Protein backbone atom coordinates (compact mmCIF):
# COMPACT_ATOMS: atom_id res chain seq x y z
CA MET A 1 85.46 75.88 100.58
CA GLN A 2 86.73 76.40 104.11
CA PHE A 3 90.29 77.00 105.10
CA ARG A 4 91.61 74.11 107.19
CA ALA A 5 93.81 74.98 110.17
CA SER A 6 97.14 73.20 109.65
CA SER A 7 100.84 73.74 109.32
CA LEU A 8 100.10 75.72 106.16
CA GLY A 9 97.98 78.15 108.11
CA LEU A 10 100.84 78.75 110.55
CA ALA A 11 103.82 78.64 108.23
CA LEU A 12 102.66 79.81 104.82
CA ALA A 13 99.65 82.06 105.27
CA VAL A 14 100.58 85.51 106.46
CA VAL A 15 97.02 86.21 107.50
CA TRP A 16 95.75 89.54 106.24
CA LEU A 17 95.47 91.47 109.51
CA GLY A 18 98.94 90.59 110.70
CA GLY A 19 100.43 91.38 107.32
CA ALA A 20 98.54 94.63 107.13
CA MET A 21 99.87 95.69 110.52
CA ALA A 22 103.42 94.93 109.42
CA LEU A 23 102.84 96.97 106.30
CA ALA A 24 101.49 99.80 108.44
CA ASP A 25 104.73 99.80 110.42
CA ASP A 26 106.73 100.01 107.20
CA ALA A 27 104.69 102.90 105.89
CA ALA A 28 104.32 104.79 109.13
CA ALA A 29 107.94 104.88 110.22
CA PRO A 30 109.17 107.67 107.92
CA THR A 31 105.94 109.56 107.50
CA ALA A 32 104.75 112.49 109.57
CA SER A 33 101.18 112.08 110.79
CA SER A 34 98.61 114.25 109.09
CA ALA A 35 97.04 114.98 112.46
CA ALA A 36 99.45 117.81 113.30
CA PRO A 37 101.70 120.04 111.22
CA THR A 38 105.46 119.71 111.35
CA THR A 39 107.84 122.58 111.84
CA THR A 40 108.31 124.91 108.91
CA LYS A 41 111.78 124.84 107.38
CA ALA A 42 113.52 128.11 108.15
CA ASP A 43 114.72 128.53 104.58
CA ARG A 44 111.27 128.08 102.97
CA PRO A 45 109.34 131.35 102.63
CA GLN A 46 105.58 131.55 102.78
CA HIS A 47 105.32 132.85 99.20
CA PHE A 48 107.86 131.15 97.00
CA ALA A 49 108.56 131.51 93.30
CA PRO A 50 107.88 128.80 90.71
CA PRO A 51 110.81 126.42 90.21
CA PRO A 52 113.18 127.11 87.29
CA ALA A 53 111.85 125.39 84.16
CA ASN A 54 114.65 123.05 83.09
CA ARG A 55 114.54 119.54 81.66
CA ILE A 56 116.64 116.91 83.40
CA THR A 57 117.82 113.38 82.63
CA THR A 58 117.37 110.25 84.69
CA ALA A 59 121.09 110.37 85.49
CA ALA A 60 120.67 113.88 86.89
CA LEU A 61 117.67 112.74 88.92
CA ASP A 62 119.65 109.84 90.38
CA ALA A 63 122.53 112.16 91.22
CA LEU A 64 120.13 114.42 93.13
CA VAL A 65 118.65 111.48 95.01
CA ALA A 66 122.19 110.38 95.95
CA THR A 67 122.84 113.78 97.54
CA GLU A 68 119.88 113.13 99.87
CA LEU A 69 120.52 109.42 100.42
CA PRO A 70 123.90 107.95 99.45
CA VAL A 71 123.71 104.98 97.12
CA ASP A 72 125.12 102.62 99.74
CA ALA A 73 122.23 103.56 102.04
CA GLN A 74 119.58 102.93 99.39
CA PRO A 75 117.86 99.56 98.89
CA PRO A 76 119.52 97.23 96.40
CA LEU A 77 118.28 97.11 92.83
CA SER A 78 115.05 95.18 92.60
CA THR A 79 114.78 91.87 90.80
CA ASP A 80 113.17 91.75 87.38
CA GLU A 81 110.13 90.05 88.93
CA ALA A 82 109.68 92.79 91.53
CA PHE A 83 110.25 95.57 89.01
CA LEU A 84 107.73 94.11 86.58
CA ARG A 85 105.02 93.81 89.24
CA ARG A 86 105.59 97.27 90.70
CA ALA A 87 105.76 99.02 87.32
CA SER A 88 102.64 97.19 86.15
CA PHE A 89 100.65 98.32 89.18
CA ASP A 90 102.03 101.86 88.98
CA LEU A 91 101.26 102.35 85.31
CA VAL A 92 98.32 100.08 84.43
CA GLY A 93 96.85 99.23 87.85
CA ARG A 94 97.26 95.43 87.87
CA GLN A 95 99.85 92.73 88.30
CA PRO A 96 101.46 91.31 85.16
CA THR A 97 99.94 88.24 83.55
CA VAL A 98 101.82 84.94 83.51
CA ALA A 99 102.52 85.45 79.81
CA GLU A 100 103.94 88.92 80.50
CA GLN A 101 106.13 87.50 83.25
CA GLN A 102 107.47 84.81 80.96
CA GLN A 103 108.12 87.29 78.14
CA PHE A 104 109.98 89.66 80.47
CA ALA A 105 112.04 86.86 82.00
CA ALA A 106 113.06 85.58 78.56
CA ASP A 107 114.12 89.05 77.36
CA SER A 108 117.89 89.42 77.64
CA SER A 109 118.01 93.03 76.45
CA LEU A 110 119.91 95.48 78.61
CA VAL A 111 117.14 98.04 78.12
CA LYS A 112 114.17 95.76 78.70
CA ARG A 113 112.99 97.75 81.72
CA GLN A 114 112.85 100.95 79.70
CA GLN A 115 111.05 99.09 76.92
CA LEU A 116 108.56 97.75 79.47
CA VAL A 117 107.85 101.27 80.69
CA GLU A 118 107.19 102.41 77.13
CA ARG A 119 104.80 99.51 76.47
CA LEU A 120 102.87 100.21 79.64
CA LEU A 121 102.67 103.94 78.96
CA ALA A 122 101.32 103.17 75.49
CA SER A 123 98.65 100.83 76.88
CA GLU A 124 95.02 101.96 77.09
CA GLU A 125 95.15 100.67 80.66
CA PHE A 126 97.46 103.53 81.64
CA GLY A 127 94.78 106.14 81.21
CA ALA A 128 92.15 103.98 82.91
CA ASN A 129 94.42 103.40 85.92
CA TRP A 130 95.26 107.03 86.50
CA ALA A 131 91.69 108.08 85.75
CA ASN A 132 90.74 105.93 88.75
CA TYR A 133 93.34 107.74 90.87
CA TRP A 134 92.19 111.26 89.96
CA SER A 135 88.51 110.35 90.12
CA ASP A 136 89.09 109.07 93.66
CA ALA A 137 91.05 112.21 94.55
CA ILE A 138 87.95 114.22 93.63
CA ALA A 139 85.19 111.87 94.80
CA TYR A 140 86.32 111.14 98.36
CA ARG A 141 85.71 114.72 99.52
CA VAL A 142 82.43 115.35 97.63
CA PRO A 143 79.51 115.83 100.05
CA PRO A 144 76.89 113.15 99.19
CA PRO A 145 73.77 114.77 97.76
CA GLU A 146 70.25 113.76 98.76
CA LEU A 147 68.28 111.44 96.45
CA THR A 148 71.09 111.30 93.87
CA TYR A 149 73.62 108.50 93.34
CA LEU A 150 76.80 109.94 91.90
CA ASP A 151 78.35 107.96 89.07
CA TYR A 152 81.97 108.71 88.18
CA ARG A 153 82.19 106.41 85.17
CA PRO A 154 81.74 109.25 82.63
CA LEU A 155 84.54 111.21 84.31
CA LYS A 156 86.82 108.16 84.38
CA GLY A 157 86.24 107.50 80.69
CA TRP A 158 86.96 111.13 79.81
CA LEU A 159 90.11 111.26 81.95
CA ALA A 160 91.37 107.98 80.49
CA GLY A 161 90.96 109.33 76.97
CA LYS A 162 92.76 112.54 77.85
CA LEU A 163 95.68 110.78 79.54
CA ASN A 164 96.06 108.17 76.80
CA GLY A 165 95.86 110.89 74.16
CA GLY A 166 98.74 112.81 75.70
CA ALA A 167 96.78 115.81 76.94
CA PRO A 168 98.97 117.98 79.21
CA TRP A 169 97.94 118.33 82.84
CA ASN A 170 97.10 122.03 82.54
CA GLU A 171 94.61 121.28 79.76
CA ILE A 172 92.88 118.60 81.85
CA VAL A 173 92.63 120.84 84.90
CA ARG A 174 91.37 123.79 82.85
CA GLU A 175 88.51 121.70 81.50
CA LEU A 176 87.61 120.41 84.97
CA ILE A 177 87.36 123.97 86.28
CA THR A 178 85.56 125.55 83.31
CA ALA A 179 83.27 122.84 81.89
CA SER A 180 79.50 123.36 81.62
CA GLY A 181 76.71 121.09 80.42
CA LYS A 182 75.25 117.74 81.37
CA VAL A 183 77.78 115.44 83.03
CA ALA A 184 76.73 112.52 80.80
CA ASP A 185 77.61 114.60 77.73
CA VAL A 186 80.44 116.73 79.16
CA PRO A 187 82.14 114.54 81.79
CA ALA A 188 84.61 117.28 82.70
CA ALA A 189 81.64 119.06 84.32
CA THR A 190 81.69 116.37 87.05
CA PHE A 191 84.07 118.35 89.26
CA VAL A 192 81.85 121.42 89.45
CA GLY A 193 78.54 119.58 89.10
CA TYR A 194 79.02 116.95 91.77
CA HIS A 195 80.09 119.69 94.18
CA GLN A 196 76.66 121.18 93.37
CA ALA A 197 78.44 124.37 92.22
CA ASN A 198 78.96 125.26 95.87
CA ALA A 199 81.41 128.16 95.69
CA GLY A 200 83.02 127.48 99.06
CA ASN A 201 83.51 123.76 98.44
CA LEU A 202 84.90 124.43 94.95
CA ALA A 203 87.34 127.03 96.25
CA ALA A 204 88.65 124.63 98.89
CA GLU A 205 88.87 121.61 96.55
CA THR A 206 90.37 123.48 93.59
CA SER A 207 93.11 124.69 95.90
CA ARG A 208 93.62 121.35 97.66
CA ILE A 209 93.59 118.97 94.68
CA PHE A 210 95.37 121.03 92.04
CA LEU A 211 97.59 123.31 94.15
CA GLY A 212 98.21 121.36 97.34
CA GLN A 213 97.00 124.28 99.44
CA GLN A 214 94.65 123.58 102.35
CA ILE A 215 92.57 126.76 102.69
CA LEU A 216 89.29 125.33 104.04
CA CYS A 217 90.18 126.37 107.59
CA ALA A 218 90.20 129.99 106.41
CA GLN A 219 86.52 129.85 105.49
CA CYS A 220 85.44 131.02 108.94
CA HIS A 221 88.62 132.61 110.31
CA ASP A 222 92.22 133.27 109.38
CA HIS A 223 94.15 130.00 109.14
CA PRO A 224 95.77 129.15 112.50
CA PHE A 225 98.74 127.21 111.02
CA ASP A 226 99.20 128.88 107.64
CA HIS A 227 99.29 132.42 106.24
CA TRP A 228 95.87 132.27 104.55
CA LYS A 229 93.37 134.99 105.45
CA ARG A 230 89.62 134.62 105.47
CA THR A 231 89.29 137.24 102.75
CA GLN A 232 91.55 135.16 100.48
CA PHE A 233 89.29 132.11 100.81
CA HIS A 234 86.16 134.04 99.91
CA SER A 235 87.87 135.97 97.11
CA LEU A 236 88.73 132.61 95.54
CA ALA A 237 85.16 131.37 96.04
CA ALA A 238 83.93 134.45 94.15
CA PHE A 239 85.16 132.92 90.88
CA PHE A 240 82.19 130.53 91.16
CA ALA A 241 79.62 133.19 92.08
CA ARG A 242 77.59 132.70 88.90
CA THR A 243 78.00 128.94 88.51
CA LYS A 244 74.87 126.80 88.88
CA ALA A 245 74.32 123.05 89.09
CA LYS A 246 71.02 121.21 88.87
CA LEU A 247 71.15 117.73 90.32
CA PRO A 248 68.47 115.28 89.21
CA TRP A 249 66.78 112.64 91.26
CA ASN A 250 68.63 109.34 91.30
CA VAL A 251 70.85 109.62 88.17
CA GLY A 252 74.07 111.52 88.88
CA PRO A 253 75.28 111.93 85.26
CA ASP A 254 72.11 113.89 84.48
CA THR A 255 73.54 116.72 86.60
CA VAL A 256 73.70 119.95 84.58
CA VAL A 257 76.23 122.75 85.14
CA SER A 258 75.21 126.15 83.79
CA ALA A 259 75.63 129.88 84.38
CA ALA A 260 73.48 132.36 86.27
CA GLU A 261 72.84 135.65 84.50
CA LYS A 262 73.57 137.71 87.57
CA GLY A 263 74.67 137.45 91.17
CA GLU A 264 77.77 138.21 93.22
CA TYR A 265 79.56 136.38 95.99
CA ARG A 266 79.39 137.77 99.49
CA MET A 267 81.62 136.80 102.39
CA PRO A 268 79.31 135.78 105.26
CA ASP A 269 79.18 138.14 108.23
CA MET A 270 80.29 135.99 111.17
CA THR A 271 78.80 138.33 113.77
CA ASP A 272 75.33 138.66 112.26
CA SER A 273 74.00 136.05 109.82
CA THR A 274 71.15 138.38 108.81
CA LYS A 275 73.55 140.86 107.23
CA PRO A 276 74.33 140.40 103.53
CA GLY A 277 78.09 140.34 104.01
CA SER A 278 80.85 141.93 101.98
CA LYS A 279 80.72 141.67 98.20
CA MET A 280 83.92 139.98 97.01
CA ASP A 281 85.98 140.53 93.87
CA PRO A 282 87.30 137.25 92.40
CA VAL A 283 91.00 137.31 93.31
CA PHE A 284 93.43 134.41 93.07
CA LEU A 285 95.26 133.20 96.20
CA ALA A 286 98.64 134.59 95.14
CA GLY A 287 97.10 137.87 93.99
CA ASP A 288 96.67 139.07 90.45
CA ALA A 289 100.36 139.83 90.00
CA ILE A 290 100.87 136.17 89.12
CA LEU A 291 99.76 137.05 85.59
CA ASP A 292 99.20 140.57 84.25
CA GLY A 293 97.46 142.36 87.07
CA HIS A 294 93.99 141.94 85.61
CA THR A 295 91.23 141.03 88.05
CA ALA A 296 87.99 139.26 87.11
CA LYS A 297 85.93 142.05 88.67
CA VAL A 298 82.40 141.74 89.94
CA GLY A 299 79.88 141.86 87.15
CA LYS A 300 81.77 139.45 84.90
CA ASP A 301 79.92 136.39 83.62
CA ASP A 302 80.49 132.82 84.75
CA ALA A 303 82.57 131.74 81.74
CA GLU A 304 84.98 134.64 82.09
CA ARG A 305 85.37 134.10 85.83
CA ARG A 306 86.07 130.38 85.63
CA ASN A 307 88.35 130.73 82.63
CA ARG A 308 90.26 133.42 84.46
CA LEU A 309 90.58 131.15 87.48
CA ALA A 310 91.88 128.36 85.23
CA ASP A 311 94.46 130.84 83.87
CA PHE A 312 95.68 131.51 87.39
CA VAL A 313 95.67 127.87 88.52
CA THR A 314 97.60 126.52 85.52
CA ALA A 315 99.95 129.46 84.89
CA LYS A 316 103.65 128.68 84.78
CA GLU A 317 104.09 131.61 87.17
CA ASN A 318 101.93 129.77 89.72
CA PRO A 319 104.26 128.59 92.51
CA TRP A 320 102.12 125.56 93.44
CA PHE A 321 100.66 123.91 90.33
CA ALA A 322 103.74 121.98 89.12
CA ARG A 323 104.91 121.26 92.67
CA ALA A 324 101.53 119.81 93.67
CA TYR A 325 101.38 117.42 90.70
CA THR A 326 104.97 116.18 90.94
CA ASN A 327 104.53 115.68 94.69
CA ARG A 328 101.52 113.41 94.12
CA ILE A 329 103.16 111.37 91.36
CA TRP A 330 106.40 110.90 93.30
CA ALA A 331 104.41 109.82 96.36
CA ARG A 332 102.46 107.18 94.43
CA LEU A 333 105.52 105.83 92.61
CA MET A 334 107.95 105.98 95.52
CA GLY A 335 105.73 105.44 98.54
CA GLN A 336 105.79 108.90 100.11
CA GLY A 337 105.82 112.47 98.91
CA PHE A 338 108.11 115.40 99.40
CA PHE A 339 105.20 116.82 101.37
CA GLU A 340 102.90 114.59 103.43
CA PRO A 341 99.98 114.40 103.16
CA VAL A 342 100.28 115.02 99.43
CA ASP A 343 97.51 117.62 99.29
CA ASP A 344 99.17 119.93 101.81
CA LEU A 345 102.18 121.92 100.61
CA GLY A 346 101.41 124.57 103.21
CA ASP A 347 103.80 126.65 105.27
CA SER A 348 103.23 124.43 108.29
CA ARG A 349 104.61 121.36 106.50
CA THR A 350 108.23 120.38 105.97
CA GLN A 351 109.41 119.79 102.43
CA GLN A 352 111.63 116.71 102.31
CA TRP A 353 114.28 116.30 99.63
CA SER A 354 113.62 119.83 98.42
CA ALA A 355 116.25 119.79 95.64
CA VAL A 356 114.70 116.66 94.09
CA HIS A 357 111.19 118.10 94.33
CA GLU A 358 112.13 121.50 92.91
CA THR A 359 114.04 119.92 90.03
CA LEU A 360 111.19 117.54 89.14
CA ALA A 361 108.67 120.38 89.26
CA GLY A 362 110.93 122.49 87.04
CA HIS A 363 111.20 119.60 84.57
CA PHE A 364 107.41 119.29 84.53
CA LEU A 365 107.15 123.01 83.73
CA ALA A 366 109.78 122.74 80.98
CA THR A 367 107.81 119.97 79.26
CA ASP A 368 104.62 122.06 79.34
CA TYR A 369 103.04 119.70 81.88
CA GLU A 370 103.54 116.53 79.82
CA VAL A 371 102.16 113.69 81.93
CA LYS A 372 103.76 110.60 80.40
CA ASP A 373 107.16 112.27 80.21
CA LEU A 374 107.22 112.67 84.00
CA PHE A 375 106.31 109.00 84.51
CA ARG A 376 108.98 107.99 82.01
CA LEU A 377 111.60 110.07 83.80
CA ILE A 378 110.91 108.61 87.24
CA LEU A 379 110.35 104.98 86.21
CA SER A 380 113.56 104.97 84.14
CA SER A 381 115.64 106.13 87.10
CA GLU A 382 117.80 103.96 89.29
CA ALA A 383 115.98 105.40 92.30
CA TYR A 384 112.77 103.77 91.11
CA ALA A 385 114.53 100.54 90.08
CA ARG A 386 115.68 99.97 93.64
CA GLY A 387 113.69 97.61 95.80
CA VAL A 388 111.10 98.42 98.43
CA LYS A 389 112.04 98.22 102.08
CA THR A 390 109.71 95.96 104.05
CA GLY A 391 109.68 94.28 107.41
CA ALA A 392 110.38 95.54 110.90
CA THR A 393 113.37 97.79 111.43
CA SER A 394 116.11 97.16 113.96
CA SER A 395 119.47 98.59 114.91
CA GLU A 396 120.94 96.74 111.94
CA THR A 397 118.19 97.89 109.55
CA PRO A 398 117.37 101.51 110.43
CA ALA A 399 114.10 103.12 109.44
CA PRO A 400 114.16 104.71 105.98
CA ALA A 401 115.14 108.37 105.91
CA GLU A 402 112.35 110.89 105.54
CA GLY A 403 111.59 111.38 101.87
CA ALA A 404 113.37 108.17 100.95
CA PRO A 405 111.95 106.26 97.97
CA GLY A 406 110.98 102.62 98.11
CA GLN A 407 108.16 102.60 100.65
CA PRO A 408 105.35 100.01 100.33
CA LEU A 409 101.79 101.17 99.64
CA ARG A 410 98.35 99.61 99.99
CA LEU A 411 96.62 98.92 96.69
CA ARG A 412 93.59 101.05 95.86
CA GLY A 413 90.21 99.33 95.71
CA ASP A 414 90.22 99.14 91.91
CA GLU A 415 93.70 97.62 92.02
CA VAL A 416 92.64 94.97 94.53
CA PHE A 417 89.79 93.99 92.21
CA ALA A 418 92.16 93.89 89.21
CA ALA A 419 94.54 91.69 91.21
CA LEU A 420 91.75 89.27 92.11
CA ARG A 421 90.46 89.21 88.55
CA ALA A 422 93.95 88.38 87.25
CA GLY A 423 94.92 86.10 90.12
CA VAL A 424 91.82 83.92 90.57
CA GLU A 425 89.68 85.04 87.60
CA LEU A 426 87.14 86.64 89.94
CA PRO A 427 84.15 87.68 87.80
CA ASN A 428 82.53 91.09 88.15
CA LYS A 429 78.90 90.22 88.86
CA THR A 430 76.15 92.82 89.13
CA PRO A 431 72.77 91.84 90.60
CA ASP A 432 69.52 92.97 89.02
CA ALA A 433 68.37 96.46 89.83
CA VAL A 434 65.72 96.81 92.54
CA ALA A 435 62.46 98.26 91.27
CA PRO A 436 61.20 101.43 93.01
CA THR A 437 58.41 100.99 95.51
CA ALA A 438 56.17 103.33 97.42
CA ALA A 439 58.45 102.92 100.43
CA ILE A 440 61.73 103.21 98.50
CA ARG A 441 61.28 105.58 95.57
CA PHE A 442 64.98 105.79 94.77
CA PRO A 443 66.62 102.43 95.44
CA PRO A 444 70.43 102.51 95.24
CA PRO A 445 72.01 101.12 92.09
CA PRO A 446 72.98 97.44 92.39
CA ALA A 447 76.53 96.99 93.65
CA SER A 448 78.82 94.91 91.46
CA THR A 449 81.66 92.79 92.77
CA GLN A 450 84.05 95.60 91.92
CA ASP A 451 81.82 98.09 93.76
CA LEU A 452 81.88 95.92 96.88
CA ILE A 453 85.67 95.63 96.78
CA ASN A 454 85.98 99.38 96.28
CA ALA A 455 83.67 99.93 99.25
CA ALA A 456 85.96 97.80 101.41
CA PHE A 457 89.39 98.74 100.08
CA GLY A 458 88.90 102.11 98.41
CA ASN A 459 90.47 105.11 100.08
CA ASP A 460 91.25 108.73 99.42
CA PRO A 461 94.58 108.77 97.53
CA SER A 462 95.37 112.10 99.18
CA LEU A 463 95.90 110.30 102.50
CA SER A 464 99.43 109.46 103.57
CA ALA A 465 100.41 105.79 103.46
CA ALA A 466 100.26 105.62 107.25
CA ASP A 467 96.66 106.87 107.26
CA ALA A 468 95.28 104.48 104.62
CA PRO A 469 92.48 102.53 106.34
CA ARG A 470 93.11 98.95 107.43
CA THR A 471 89.82 97.50 108.59
CA MET A 472 88.19 94.31 109.76
CA GLN A 473 85.83 94.63 106.79
CA GLN A 474 88.79 94.23 104.44
CA ALA A 475 90.10 91.19 106.29
CA LEU A 476 86.73 89.48 106.42
CA TRP A 477 86.05 90.17 102.74
CA MET A 478 89.26 88.44 101.71
CA MET A 479 88.79 85.53 104.10
CA ASN A 480 85.06 84.84 103.86
CA ASN A 481 83.38 86.50 100.89
CA GLU A 482 81.17 83.93 99.19
CA GLN A 483 82.00 84.96 95.64
CA LEU A 484 85.74 84.89 96.34
CA GLN A 485 85.35 81.51 98.04
CA ALA A 486 83.55 80.23 94.95
CA ALA A 487 86.39 81.49 92.73
CA ILE A 488 88.88 79.50 94.81
CA ASN A 489 86.83 76.27 94.61
CA ALA A 490 88.96 73.45 93.22
CA ALA A 491 86.21 70.83 92.85
CA PRO A 492 86.05 68.98 89.50
CA GLY A 493 83.80 70.80 87.06
CA ALA A 494 83.72 74.01 89.16
CA GLY A 495 84.95 75.94 86.14
CA THR A 496 87.34 78.02 88.22
CA MET A 497 90.93 78.83 87.38
CA LEU A 498 92.16 76.44 90.07
CA SER A 499 89.85 73.61 89.08
CA LYS A 500 90.95 73.82 85.44
CA LEU A 501 94.63 74.15 86.40
CA LEU A 502 94.47 70.95 88.47
CA ASP A 503 92.73 69.15 85.61
CA GLU A 504 95.41 70.22 83.13
CA VAL A 505 98.59 69.94 85.25
CA SER A 506 99.45 66.77 87.17
CA ASP A 507 102.76 67.96 88.62
CA ASP A 508 102.15 69.62 92.00
CA LYS A 509 105.36 71.67 91.87
CA THR A 510 104.24 73.22 88.58
CA VAL A 511 100.80 73.98 90.03
CA CYS A 512 102.42 75.69 93.01
CA GLU A 513 104.61 77.80 90.73
CA GLN A 514 101.62 78.73 88.58
CA LEU A 515 99.62 79.90 91.60
CA TYR A 516 102.46 82.09 92.84
CA ALA A 517 102.90 83.54 89.36
CA ARG A 518 99.19 84.30 88.97
CA VAL A 519 98.61 85.74 92.44
CA LEU A 520 101.94 87.30 93.49
CA ALA A 521 103.60 87.62 90.06
CA ARG A 522 106.73 85.81 91.19
CA ARG A 523 108.18 82.37 91.76
CA PRO A 524 107.89 80.82 95.23
CA THR A 525 111.02 80.61 97.30
CA ALA A 526 112.37 77.16 98.09
CA ASP A 527 110.89 77.30 101.59
CA GLU A 528 107.49 78.50 100.34
CA ALA A 529 107.30 75.72 97.77
CA ARG A 530 108.36 73.13 100.35
CA ILE A 531 105.73 74.24 102.87
CA ALA A 532 102.93 74.41 100.29
CA LEU A 533 103.69 71.00 98.79
CA ALA A 534 104.10 69.42 102.24
CA HIS A 535 100.65 70.72 103.15
CA VAL A 536 99.08 69.22 100.03
CA THR A 537 100.75 65.88 100.77
CA GLU A 538 99.81 65.97 104.44
CA LEU A 539 96.16 66.69 103.69
CA LYS A 540 95.96 63.72 101.28
CA ASP A 541 93.46 65.69 99.19
CA ARG A 542 95.16 67.46 96.30
CA ARG A 543 92.25 69.75 95.47
CA ALA A 544 91.53 70.76 99.04
CA GLY A 545 95.24 71.29 99.66
CA PHE A 546 95.66 73.66 96.75
CA GLU A 547 92.50 75.51 97.76
CA ASP A 548 94.29 76.25 101.02
CA VAL A 549 97.42 77.35 99.19
CA LEU A 550 95.47 79.72 96.95
CA TRP A 551 93.42 81.08 99.86
CA SER A 552 96.63 81.72 101.77
CA LEU A 553 98.22 83.63 98.89
CA VAL A 554 95.31 86.02 98.39
CA ASN A 555 95.27 86.66 102.15
CA THR A 556 98.89 87.79 102.37
CA ALA A 557 99.81 91.43 102.90
CA GLU A 558 101.98 91.08 99.79
CA PHE A 559 98.92 90.50 97.61
CA THR A 560 97.15 93.70 98.66
CA SER A 561 100.21 95.92 98.62
CA ARG A 562 102.36 97.53 96.00
CA ARG A 563 106.00 96.82 96.85
């Protein structure tokens, strides 16, 4: 199937690159670039206390949001169609099915949105979706090992089970920091194992992912933009002094995390690499006073050190743990975080909407880090129910205020695949594995359709919306990929969704509505329907015409964004 240049191509198809650039403008306008730090707020100290642990209601959350952005300056409430699509992507990582759209539209209950949120939170897909997010947050900064292909499927399965089972966030993080064993058997060991138990990398990533503190720059010298000292970095790394990881050839999940019987961590001597360096006590970033003053001194075994570190990281007295998590979740649900990028809550960054952030973090503490409760709170709010601002700004439509909710986001790679699977019934094909040869002893695992889409569209979820990659590879995949082209084929007997739909439905208006519902999870506007049907009539080939319509829909910026 080839797309035919016509009025449809000009009027209906918002070709991917143009749409992506418009989306970039939407996302970039309110967001500070991650390339340089913003000015520190004068009223925010370098070392701040944990937020007060108090539960709040959605009404209280909305009242706080209104103090930052008056209601009359916020977007209008979203339509049921838009709310259903956005909540479905946010909670279960896909657009709603046609049946789900029809069920939601037919529901006249005044609380149907809250009931939808509960159904999605109870779905097994919730854990799988957010397991993809956290797996990506870990994987995108892991240095690729030699002769080993890392496989995150065990970790994703474990995370999904934990999230669906209601495990609190502190329990999940503790297991990621402390787990030992073979990754295939103990998936929580992925975090330490895939970092090859490198103490420096683990110190930097533990701090970045779970605390929102960027300390890597302090590995070689005191941080130039933050208050971190070099000794603090290496004291944190000392918690992993006796952690070992053995990576196998080829099969990542055979990685084994274990403990060394002896050994201490030494801070490298920057003036003379031949010197052994200073022996470091394991000391948490905020000092030992965060708990009871006890230090995991040198000489302690691996289990005690890592468990002690997990105590520090997840303690309610920790000023960063609850703030870092709520910042990430708010950013994904609302389009931008209180801190941007979301993994940098450092002194050189400005905290937007501080009262909202502090209150959400305090609520998260008060619930003992209950994950689903935080999602329920935000998705049940009026702030979330409001629409997403899109399109170019002008003097009549000013750019959204910093911290404002309702910003569009690019879909993650796994979400793009889920959208294609639901929209055009794209199958996930995996070619046969390549046998080893003398020249290639460790051939890479065969890449499935989902792997290829992730390679093109996947990105580090710690990046700000403005920094999410928009590439020619993505555009060409959507426009020209052979498997996607085959899934759009409308020829009789092709066995595709479109071919079967045209066989079963003779009314072109109904076909058009079905395609919009499947692909964009909404009804076409009057103008969209008119343009699409005029193109089918003009082409005088019903099947070829609707191929063009379907191709156009999957190549819109709307399809690959969460709005």
